[in-house]
Protein backbone atom coordinates (compact mmCIF):
# COMPACT_ATOMS: atom_id res chain seq x y z
CA MET A 1 103.83 90.90 86.40
CA THR A 2 100.31 90.53 87.61
CA SER A 3 98.75 93.28 89.67
CA ASN A 4 99.06 91.30 92.84
CA ASP A 5 102.65 90.42 92.11
CA LEU A 6 103.31 94.16 91.79
CA ASN A 7 101.48 95.15 94.83
CA ALA A 8 103.53 92.55 96.85
CA ALA A 9 106.82 93.78 95.36
CA LEU A 10 106.12 97.45 96.04
CA THR A 11 105.45 96.81 99.72
CA GLY A 12 109.14 96.01 99.96
CA LEU A 13 110.18 99.18 98.13
CA HIS A 14 110.32 102.61 99.73
CA GLY A 15 108.74 105.42 97.97
CA TRP A 16 108.13 103.81 94.61
CA GLN A 17 104.90 104.32 92.92
CA ARG A 18 102.95 102.69 90.05
CA VAL A 19 102.65 104.94 87.05
CA LYS A 20 102.06 104.83 83.34
CA HIS A 21 104.67 105.68 80.91
CA ASP A 22 103.93 105.88 77.32
CA GLY A 23 100.85 103.86 77.99
CA LYS A 24 102.73 101.14 79.69
CA ALA A 25 103.03 100.07 83.35
CA ALA A 26 106.02 101.52 85.16
CA ILE A 27 107.40 102.28 88.59
CA ARG A 28 108.82 105.64 89.62
CA ARG A 29 110.60 107.17 92.65
CA SER A 30 111.92 110.72 93.28
CA TRP A 31 114.77 111.91 95.35
CA ARG A 32 115.79 115.32 96.52
CA PHE A 33 119.52 116.38 97.23
CA ALA A 34 121.32 119.21 98.91
CA ASP A 35 122.96 120.25 95.75
CA PHE A 36 123.92 119.38 92.14
CA HIS A 37 127.04 117.46 93.17
CA GLN A 38 124.99 115.11 95.34
CA THR A 39 122.46 114.75 92.58
CA MET A 40 125.10 113.65 90.13
CA ALA A 41 126.66 111.23 92.52
CA PHE A 42 123.49 109.44 92.78
CA VAL A 43 122.87 109.57 89.02
CA ASN A 44 126.30 108.12 88.58
CA ALA A 45 125.71 105.37 91.05
CA VAL A 46 122.31 104.57 89.32
CA ALA A 47 124.14 104.41 86.02
CA ALA A 48 126.57 101.82 87.50
CA VAL A 49 123.67 99.64 88.51
CA ALA A 50 122.08 100.01 85.12
CA HIS A 51 125.32 99.01 83.55
CA ALA A 52 125.80 96.05 85.72
CA MET A 53 122.23 94.81 85.24
CA ASP A 54 122.00 95.68 81.55
CA HIS A 55 118.65 97.37 82.40
CA HIS A 56 118.43 101.12 82.03
CA PRO A 57 116.04 103.44 83.67
CA ASP A 58 114.50 106.66 82.38
CA LEU A 59 116.12 109.49 84.44
CA HIS A 60 114.95 112.99 84.98
CA VAL A 61 117.72 115.19 86.51
CA SER A 62 117.68 118.63 87.75
CA TYR A 63 119.69 120.82 90.22
CA ASN A 64 118.63 119.05 93.33
CA ARG A 65 116.26 116.35 92.17
CA CYS A 66 116.39 112.90 90.38
CA ILE A 67 113.32 110.80 89.24
CA VAL A 68 114.14 107.27 88.41
CA LEU A 69 111.54 105.43 86.20
CA TYR A 70 111.67 101.67 85.41
CA THR A 71 109.67 99.75 82.93
CA THR A 72 110.76 96.91 80.51
CA HIS A 73 110.23 98.29 77.12
CA ASP A 74 110.54 95.12 75.20
CA ALA A 75 108.16 93.28 77.52
CA GLY A 76 105.59 96.22 77.16
CA GLY A 77 105.43 96.86 80.86
CA LEU A 78 106.74 95.83 84.25
CA THR A 79 108.89 92.76 84.95
CA GLN A 80 110.94 91.30 87.73
CA ARG A 81 114.01 93.05 86.36
CA ASP A 82 112.32 96.33 87.15
CA ILE A 83 111.68 95.35 90.83
CA ASP A 84 115.27 94.07 91.06
CA ALA A 85 116.84 97.17 89.69
CA ALA A 86 114.73 99.27 91.93
CA THR A 87 115.79 97.34 94.87
CA ARG A 88 119.38 97.98 94.00
CA VAL A 89 118.85 101.55 93.53
CA ASP A 90 117.15 101.68 97.04
CA ALA A 91 120.24 100.18 98.35
CA LEU A 92 122.62 102.70 97.25
CA PRO A 93 124.32 104.68 99.89
CA GLU A 94 124.19 107.88 97.61
CA GLY A 95 120.38 107.79 97.85
CA ARG A 96 119.65 106.43 101.38
CA ALA A 97 120.13 109.60 103.33
CA THR A 98 118.35 111.83 100.90
CA ALA A 99 115.46 109.77 99.70
């Protein structure tokens, strides 16, 4: 993705930020939850999206927080698959009220 493509895509995503991950372009978003059960419900919902798309994010999980990071490792950076996956994660009911 070009920088302009990414900027345009990020305008449609709530709370996602451009970052570097292992020297590659990536996008990341953080969620906070009331407790561990809500956090894990969200993680499981993200896992279902990842499985359905065969595109898996890096997840950082703690008691009441989850960070989701997307990059396409085999492409060496961001692709449309990352944007599509982030869009699907944003639409999860488990993450909407707690984002």
